[in-house]
């Protein structure tokens, strides 16, 4: 079974799970784009804005960080 992330909906599902695990309260996704071999998902929450970078081949979250203001 392949874990390849083929579309933005799958990437958003992973980002939602990541935000939940990180304890972000009241978040929403503000953008999704594919850059080379990664999906980049932008999240806005009460505690700030975040970027989730997901490996498109494996579905693994490789980076989760706040966005500099």
N, C-alpha and C. Protein backbone atom coordinates (compact mmCIF):
# COMPACT_ATOMS: atom_id res chain seq x y z
N UNK A 1 0.84 -1.18 0.00
CA UNK A 1 0.00 0.00 0.00
C UNK A 1 0.88 1.24 0.00
N UNK A 2 0.59 2.16 -0.89
CA UNK A 2 1.38 3.37 -1.03
C UNK A 2 0.85 4.47 -0.10
N UNK A 3 1.75 5.22 0.49
CA UNK A 3 1.36 6.36 1.32
C UNK A 3 1.48 7.66 0.56
N UNK A 4 1.64 7.59 -0.76
CA UNK A 4 1.81 8.78 -1.59
C UNK A 4 0.61 9.71 -1.45
N UNK A 5 0.90 10.99 -1.29
CA UNK A 5 -0.14 12.02 -1.18
C UNK A 5 -0.35 12.59 -2.57
N UNK A 6 -1.51 12.28 -3.16
CA UNK A 6 -1.75 12.63 -4.56
C UNK A 6 -2.53 13.92 -4.75
N UNK A 7 -3.21 14.39 -3.70
CA UNK A 7 -3.98 15.63 -3.89
C UNK A 7 -4.00 16.47 -2.62
N UNK A 8 -4.49 17.68 -2.77
CA UNK A 8 -4.50 18.64 -1.66
C UNK A 8 -5.39 18.19 -0.51
N UNK A 9 -6.46 17.46 -0.81
CA UNK A 9 -7.35 16.99 0.24
C UNK A 9 -6.63 16.06 1.21
N UNK A 10 -5.82 15.16 0.68
CA UNK A 10 -5.05 14.26 1.54
C UNK A 10 -4.05 15.05 2.38
N UNK A 11 -3.41 16.04 1.78
CA UNK A 11 -2.44 16.87 2.50
C UNK A 11 -3.13 17.64 3.62
N UNK A 12 -4.34 18.15 3.36
CA UNK A 12 -5.07 18.88 4.39
C UNK A 12 -5.48 17.96 5.54
N UNK A 13 -5.83 16.72 5.25
CA UNK A 13 -6.18 15.77 6.31
C UNK A 13 -4.99 15.55 7.25
N UNK A 14 -3.81 15.39 6.68
CA UNK A 14 -2.60 15.20 7.48
C UNK A 14 -2.31 16.45 8.31
N UNK A 15 -2.46 17.63 7.70
CA UNK A 15 -2.20 18.89 8.41
C UNK A 15 -3.20 19.08 9.55
N UNK A 16 -4.46 18.71 9.34
CA UNK A 16 -5.46 18.81 10.41
C UNK A 16 -5.09 17.93 11.59
N UNK A 17 -4.64 16.71 11.32
CA UNK A 17 -4.22 15.80 12.40
C UNK A 17 -3.01 16.36 13.13
N UNK A 18 -2.10 16.96 12.38
CA UNK A 18 -0.90 17.55 12.98
C UNK A 18 -1.27 18.71 13.89
N UNK A 19 -2.17 19.58 13.44
CA UNK A 19 -2.60 20.73 14.24
C UNK A 19 -3.28 20.25 15.52
N UNK A 20 -4.09 19.22 15.41
CA UNK A 20 -4.78 18.67 16.57
C UNK A 20 -3.78 18.12 17.58
N UNK A 21 -2.79 17.35 17.09
CA UNK A 21 -1.77 16.79 17.98
C UNK A 21 -0.93 17.88 18.63
N UNK A 22 -0.71 18.99 17.91
CA UNK A 22 0.09 20.09 18.43
C UNK A 22 -0.67 20.94 19.45
N UNK A 23 -1.97 20.70 19.57
CA UNK A 23 -2.76 21.43 20.55
C UNK A 23 -3.19 22.81 20.09
N UNK A 24 -3.18 23.04 18.79
CA UNK A 24 -3.65 24.33 18.27
C UNK A 24 -5.17 24.38 18.43
N UNK A 25 -5.65 25.52 18.90
CA UNK A 25 -7.08 25.68 19.15
C UNK A 25 -7.70 26.51 18.04
N UNK A 26 -8.84 26.06 17.55
CA UNK A 26 -9.61 26.79 16.52
C UNK A 26 -8.74 27.19 15.33
N UNK A 27 -8.36 26.25 14.53
CA UNK A 27 -7.54 26.52 13.37
C UNK A 27 -8.33 26.33 12.08
N UNK A 28 -7.81 26.92 11.03
CA UNK A 28 -8.35 26.65 9.70
C UNK A 28 -7.20 26.73 8.70
N UNK A 29 -7.36 26.03 7.61
CA UNK A 29 -6.33 25.98 6.58
C UNK A 29 -6.51 27.16 5.64
N UNK A 30 -5.43 27.90 5.42
CA UNK A 30 -5.51 29.09 4.58
C UNK A 30 -4.86 28.90 3.21
N UNK A 31 -4.15 27.80 3.03
CA UNK A 31 -3.53 27.56 1.73
C UNK A 31 -2.87 26.20 1.65
N UNK A 32 -2.88 25.65 0.44
CA UNK A 32 -2.22 24.37 0.17
C UNK A 32 -1.57 24.47 -1.20
N UNK A 33 -0.32 24.04 -1.29
CA UNK A 33 0.35 24.04 -2.59
C UNK A 33 1.38 22.91 -2.62
N UNK A 34 1.70 22.47 -3.81
CA UNK A 34 2.72 21.44 -3.96
C UNK A 34 3.98 22.11 -4.50
N UNK A 35 5.09 21.87 -3.82
CA UNK A 35 6.40 22.38 -4.23
C UNK A 35 7.34 21.20 -4.37
N UNK A 36 7.67 20.86 -5.59
CA UNK A 36 8.54 19.73 -5.89
C UNK A 36 8.01 18.45 -5.26
N UNK A 37 8.67 17.91 -4.27
CA UNK A 37 8.26 16.64 -3.66
C UNK A 37 7.55 16.83 -2.32
N UNK A 38 7.09 18.05 -2.04
CA UNK A 38 6.44 18.34 -0.76
C UNK A 38 5.10 19.04 -0.96
N UNK A 39 4.18 18.76 -0.05
CA UNK A 39 2.95 19.54 0.06
C UNK A 39 3.18 20.55 1.18
N UNK A 40 2.85 21.81 0.95
CA UNK A 40 2.97 22.87 1.94
C UNK A 40 1.56 23.29 2.31
N UNK A 41 1.23 23.15 3.59
CA UNK A 41 -0.11 23.52 4.07
C UNK A 41 0.05 24.65 5.08
N UNK A 42 -0.70 25.72 4.88
CA UNK A 42 -0.67 26.87 5.77
C UNK A 42 -1.89 26.82 6.68
N UNK A 43 -1.64 27.00 7.98
CA UNK A 43 -2.70 26.93 8.99
C UNK A 43 -2.72 28.23 9.78
N UNK A 44 -3.92 28.74 10.06
CA UNK A 44 -4.08 29.89 10.95
C UNK A 44 -4.89 29.43 12.16
N UNK A 45 -4.40 29.79 13.33
CA UNK A 45 -5.09 29.44 14.57
C UNK A 45 -5.06 30.61 15.53
N UNK A 46 -5.67 30.43 16.68
CA UNK A 46 -5.67 31.50 17.68
C UNK A 46 -4.26 31.84 18.15
N UNK A 47 -3.39 30.86 18.14
CA UNK A 47 -2.02 31.08 18.63
C UNK A 47 -1.06 31.54 17.54
N UNK A 48 -1.53 31.71 16.31
CA UNK A 48 -0.67 32.20 15.23
C UNK A 48 -0.84 31.41 13.95
N UNK A 49 0.09 31.65 13.03
CA UNK A 49 0.08 30.97 11.73
C UNK A 49 1.20 29.95 11.69
N UNK A 50 0.95 28.84 10.99
CA UNK A 50 1.91 27.74 10.94
C UNK A 50 2.02 27.19 9.52
N UNK A 51 3.17 26.57 9.27
CA UNK A 51 3.42 25.87 8.01
C UNK A 51 3.65 24.39 8.34
N UNK A 52 2.97 23.52 7.59
CA UNK A 52 3.20 22.09 7.69
C UNK A 52 3.74 21.63 6.34
N UNK A 53 4.92 21.01 6.35
CA UNK A 53 5.52 20.50 5.12
C UNK A 53 5.45 18.97 5.17
N UNK A 54 4.85 18.40 4.12
CA UNK A 54 4.57 16.96 4.08
C UNK A 54 5.27 16.35 2.87
N UNK A 55 6.01 15.28 3.09
CA UNK A 55 6.66 14.55 1.99
C UNK A 55 5.56 13.92 1.15
N UNK A 56 5.50 14.26 -0.14
CA UNK A 56 4.43 13.78 -1.02
C UNK A 56 4.55 12.28 -1.30
N UNK A 57 5.73 11.72 -1.20
CA UNK A 57 5.93 10.30 -1.47
C UNK A 57 5.54 9.40 -0.30
N UNK A 58 5.78 9.89 0.92
CA UNK A 58 5.58 9.05 2.11
C UNK A 58 4.41 9.48 2.99
N UNK A 59 3.98 10.73 2.88
CA UNK A 59 2.93 11.25 3.75
C UNK A 59 3.45 11.68 5.11
N UNK A 60 4.76 11.67 5.28
CA UNK A 60 5.37 12.03 6.56
C UNK A 60 5.47 13.55 6.69
N UNK A 61 5.13 14.06 7.88
CA UNK A 61 5.31 15.48 8.18
C UNK A 61 6.79 15.69 8.46
N UNK A 62 7.44 16.51 7.65
CA UNK A 62 8.88 16.73 7.80
C UNK A 62 9.19 18.07 8.43
N UNK A 63 8.19 18.97 8.50
CA UNK A 63 8.41 20.26 9.11
C UNK A 63 7.07 20.83 9.58
N UNK A 64 7.08 21.34 10.79
CA UNK A 64 5.92 22.01 11.37
C UNK A 64 6.47 23.18 12.15
N UNK A 65 6.15 24.40 11.71
CA UNK A 65 6.75 25.55 12.35
C UNK A 65 5.84 26.77 12.25
N UNK A 66 6.01 27.71 13.18
CA UNK A 66 5.25 28.96 13.08
C UNK A 66 5.80 29.81 11.95
N UNK A 67 4.93 30.63 11.38
CA UNK A 67 5.32 31.55 10.32
C UNK A 67 5.79 32.84 10.99
N UNK A 68 6.92 33.36 10.56
CA UNK A 68 7.41 34.63 11.09
C UNK A 68 6.49 35.76 10.65
N UNK A 69 6.17 36.63 11.57
CA UNK A 69 5.26 37.73 11.27
C UNK A 69 5.97 38.87 10.60
